[in-house]
Structure formats: C-alpha cells, structure tokens
Amino acid sequence: MKKILALGEKIILRDGKEYTILPFTLEDMEWALDKFSKINVEPIMINFYEEETRTILYEILTKILNYAYPDLSEEDIKKLIDLKIAKEILKIAIDISGYKMGGKEEEKK
C-alpha cells in the first residue's frame, strides 16, 4: 500500500506570516460541500454584502485554518484574510482535499 502524507499548502496572510492549509477530513468535506452549496465561491465578492454569505465564508475559513492553528478565532481570521486571499484559501482547501471545483476530477499530467 502506498503511503500518502497530507502536508497541505502554504499561503501568506495579511500579517506577513506563512500559514499551512491542510486537506479536509472526509467528515469535514461533507460539511464543507453542504456549505459550498449555499454560496458561490467564484463571485464571492459580489455576494459578500449578504449576511448569510459572510457567515458561511467565516465558518469555512475558520474550519480550514483551525486544522493547523486551533487557537485562531473567527475574529482573528477576519483580520488576517481579505476576499482575494479567502478565495485562494477555499480553492486550495478544496483542491488538496481531492475535490475539484465543479465536481470534475482533472487529469494529473
């Protein structure tokens, strides 16, 4: 059996520090997909004025960052992330978890 180690990907947040984004667990991917069905990641900036969209976005970002940084609160995350970074974090988390946006698996070259 091949061993796979989920190392994640690194991203720099607004404080200038590097943070690691880890893949979703299966349980959390199911939770996240339910949340993603309620917001559209692509035009997130257009829909950001809606309270439900903001709430869901904060919940997802908190879950993603709390894997590696359990002490980060939602309030901390609101200060560390802008909309551009939020979109990138969501794409990274989904991709490294083995799911592709739109539900289509891309061929690895």
C-alpha atoms as a PDB file:
ATOM      1  CA  MET A   1       0.000   0.000   0.000  1.00  0.00           C
ATOM      2  CA  LYS A   2       1.314   3.413  -0.972  1.00  0.00           C
ATOM      3  CA  LYS A   3       1.699   5.869   1.909  1.00  0.00           C
ATOM      4  CA  ILE A   4       0.282   9.340   1.376  1.00  0.00           C
ATOM      5  CA  LEU A   5       1.091  12.175   3.725  1.00  0.00           C
ATOM      6  CA  ALA A   6      -1.230  15.178   3.692  1.00  0.00           C
ATOM      7  CA  LEU A   7       1.184  18.070   4.034  1.00  0.00           C
ATOM      8  CA  GLY A   8      -1.034  20.823   2.747  1.00  0.00           C
ATOM      9  CA  GLU A   9      -0.074  24.045   1.005  1.00  0.00           C
ATOM     10  CA  LYS A  10       1.321  27.254   2.378  1.00  0.00           C
ATOM     11  CA  ILE A  11      -0.139  30.736   1.978  1.00  0.00           C
ATOM     12  CA  ILE A  12       0.883  34.132   3.348  1.00  0.00           C
ATOM     13  CA  LEU A  13      -1.845  36.057   5.141  1.00  0.00           C
ATOM     14  CA  ARG A  14      -2.128  39.800   5.805  1.00  0.00           C
ATOM     15  CA  ASP A  15       0.160  39.648   8.855  1.00  0.00           C
ATOM     16  CA  GLY A  16       3.003  38.569   6.552  1.00  0.00           C
ATOM     17  CA  LYS A  17       3.271  35.128   8.169  1.00  0.00           C
ATOM     18  CA  GLU A  18       3.096  31.842   6.321  1.00  0.00           C
ATOM     19  CA  TYR A  19       0.189  29.512   7.167  1.00  0.00           C
ATOM     20  CA  THR A  20      -0.398  25.919   6.099  1.00  0.00           C
ATOM     21  CA  ILE A  21      -3.728  24.909   4.590  1.00  0.00           C
ATOM     22  CA  LEU A  22      -4.434  21.239   5.297  1.00  0.00           C
ATOM     23  CA  PRO A  23      -6.886  18.983   3.439  1.00  0.00           C
ATOM     24  CA  PHE A  24     -10.404  18.468   4.747  1.00  0.00           C
ATOM     25  CA  THR A  25     -11.149  15.243   6.571  1.00  0.00           C
ATOM     26  CA  LEU A  26     -13.914  13.186   4.918  1.00  0.00           C
ATOM     27  CA  GLU A  27     -16.383  14.298   7.579  1.00  0.00           C
ATOM     28  CA  ASP A  28     -15.464  17.945   7.163  1.00  0.00           C
ATOM     29  CA  MET A  29     -15.516  17.713   3.355  1.00  0.00           C
ATOM     30  CA  GLU A  30     -19.127  16.559   3.593  1.00  0.00           C
ATOM     31  CA  TRP A  31     -19.840  19.508   5.910  1.00  0.00           C
ATOM     32  CA  ALA A  32     -17.993  21.931   3.595  1.00  0.00           C
ATOM     33  CA  LEU A  33     -19.763  20.740   0.447  1.00  0.00           C
ATOM     34  CA  ASP A  34     -23.074  21.404   2.161  1.00  0.00           C
ATOM     35  CA  LYS A  35     -21.849  24.933   2.953  1.00  0.00           C
ATOM     36  CA  PHE A  36     -20.462  25.447  -0.578  1.00  0.00           C
ATOM     37  CA  SER A  37     -23.871  24.590  -1.998  1.00  0.00           C
ATOM     38  CA  LYS A  38     -25.175  27.722  -0.247  1.00  0.00           C
ATOM     39  CA  ILE A  39     -22.554  30.125  -1.617  1.00  0.00           C
ATOM     40  CA  ASN A  40     -20.810  30.504  -4.953  1.00  0.00           C
ATOM     41  CA  VAL A  41     -17.058  30.704  -4.495  1.00  0.00           C
ATOM     42  CA  GLU A  42     -16.353  32.436  -7.822  1.00  0.00           C
ATOM     43  CA  PRO A  43     -18.439  35.621  -7.376  1.00  0.00           C
ATOM     44  CA  ILE A  44     -17.968  35.694  -3.605  1.00  0.00           C
ATOM     45  CA  MET A  45     -17.059  39.387  -3.687  1.00  0.00           C
ATOM     46  CA  ILE A  46     -20.348  40.272  -5.356  1.00  0.00           C
ATOM     47  CA  ASN A  47     -22.335  38.351  -2.745  1.00  0.00           C
ATOM     48  CA  PHE A  48     -20.237  39.378   0.268  1.00  0.00           C
ATOM     49  CA  TYR A  49     -22.779  42.014   1.302  1.00  0.00           C
ATOM     50  CA  GLU A  50     -25.252  39.225   2.146  1.00  0.00           C
ATOM     51  CA  GLU A  51     -25.015  38.270   5.819  1.00  0.00           C
ATOM     52  CA  GLU A  52     -25.583  34.553   5.136  1.00  0.00           C
ATOM     53  CA  THR A  53     -22.699  34.514   2.633  1.00  0.00           C
ATOM     54  CA  ARG A  54     -20.352  36.217   5.116  1.00  0.00           C
ATOM     55  CA  THR A  55     -21.362  33.856   7.929  1.00  0.00           C
ATOM     56  CA  ILE A  56     -20.794  30.751   5.795  1.00  0.00           C
ATOM     57  CA  LEU A  57     -17.492  32.105   4.491  1.00  0.00           C
ATOM     58  CA  TYR A  58     -16.228  32.783   8.025  1.00  0.00           C
ATOM     59  CA  GLU A  59     -17.323  29.310   9.183  1.00  0.00           C
ATOM     60  CA  ILE A  60     -15.495  27.595   6.321  1.00  0.00           C
ATOM     61  CA  LEU A  61     -12.312  29.658   6.669  1.00  0.00           C
ATOM     62  CA  THR A  62     -12.257  29.087  10.433  1.00  0.00           C
ATOM     63  CA  LYS A  63     -12.613  25.321   9.957  1.00  0.00           C
ATOM     64  CA  ILE A  64      -9.839  25.265   7.327  1.00  0.00           C
ATOM     65  CA  LEU A  65      -7.351  27.255   9.396  1.00  0.00           C
ATOM     66  CA  ASN A  66      -8.224  25.582  12.695  1.00  0.00           C
ATOM     67  CA  TYR A  67      -6.783  22.267  11.474  1.00  0.00           C
ATOM     68  CA  ALA A  68      -3.257  23.631  11.825  1.00  0.00           C
ATOM     69  CA  TYR A  69      -3.986  26.654  14.035  1.00  0.00           C
ATOM     70  CA  PRO A  70      -6.679  25.736  16.586  1.00  0.00           C
ATOM     71  CA  ASP A  71      -6.086  28.913  18.589  1.00  0.00           C
ATOM     72  CA  LEU A  72      -7.140  31.195  15.710  1.00  0.00           C
ATOM     73  CA  SER A  73     -10.612  32.575  16.340  1.00  0.00           C
ATOM     74  CA  GLU A  74     -13.098  33.722  13.737  1.00  0.00           C
ATOM     75  CA  GLU A  75     -12.274  37.298  14.763  1.00  0.00           C
ATOM     76  CA  ASP A  76      -8.546  36.654  14.165  1.00  0.00           C
ATOM     77  CA  ILE A  77      -9.338  35.195  10.767  1.00  0.00           C
ATOM     78  CA  LYS A  78     -11.463  38.208   9.802  1.00  0.00           C
ATOM     79  CA  LYS A  79      -8.409  40.402  10.443  1.00  0.00           C
ATOM     80  CA  LEU A  80      -5.905  38.135   8.648  1.00  0.00           C
ATOM     81  CA  ILE A  81      -7.799  37.471   5.408  1.00  0.00           C
ATOM     82  CA  ASP A  82      -9.153  39.670   2.645  1.00  0.00           C
ATOM     83  CA  LEU A  83     -11.560  38.479  -0.061  1.00  0.00           C
ATOM     84  CA  LYS A  84      -8.801  37.669  -2.561  1.00  0.00           C
ATOM     85  CA  ILE A  85      -6.960  35.532  -0.001  1.00  0.00           C
ATOM     86  CA  ALA A  86     -10.254  33.935   1.111  1.00  0.00           C
ATOM     87  CA  LYS A  87     -10.988  32.811  -2.433  1.00  0.00           C
ATOM     88  CA  GLU A  88      -7.473  31.372  -2.759  1.00  0.00           C
ATOM     89  CA  ILE A  89      -7.736  29.510   0.575  1.00  0.00           C
ATOM     90  CA  LEU A  90     -11.050  27.954  -0.473  1.00  0.00           C
ATOM     91  CA  LYS A  91      -9.614  26.803  -3.803  1.00  0.00           C
ATOM     92  CA  ILE A  92      -6.501  25.367  -2.123  1.00  0.00           C
ATOM     93  CA  ALA A  93      -8.501  23.526   0.551  1.00  0.00           C
ATOM     94  CA  ILE A  94     -10.857  22.014  -1.988  1.00  0.00           C
ATOM     95  CA  ASP A  95      -8.076  21.045  -4.403  1.00  0.00           C
ATOM     96  CA  ILE A  96      -5.763  19.412  -1.841  1.00  0.00           C
ATOM     97  CA  SER A  97      -8.740  17.534  -0.406  1.00  0.00           C
ATOM     98  CA  GLY A  98      -9.115  15.771  -3.762  1.00  0.00           C
ATOM     99  CA  TYR A  99     -12.241  17.578  -4.920  1.00  0.00           C
ATOM    100  CA  LYS A 100     -12.294  19.863  -7.931  1.00  0.00           C
ATOM    101  CA  MET A 101     -14.490  22.924  -8.335  1.00  0.00           C
ATOM    102  CA  GLY A 102     -17.496  21.927 -10.411  1.00  0.00           C
ATOM    103  CA  GLY A 103     -17.132  18.342  -9.210  1.00  0.00           C
ATOM    104  CA  LYS A 104     -14.880  17.244 -12.096  1.00  0.00           C
ATOM    105  CA  GLU A 105     -11.650  15.481 -11.362  1.00  0.00           C
ATOM    106  CA  GLU A 106      -8.822  16.821 -13.505  1.00  0.00           C
ATOM    107  CA  GLU A 107      -6.315  14.530 -15.102  1.00  0.00           C
ATOM    108  CA  LYS A 108      -2.900  14.587 -13.496  1.00  0.00           C
ATOM    109  CA  LYS A 109      -0.114  15.041 -16.034  1.00  0.00           C
END
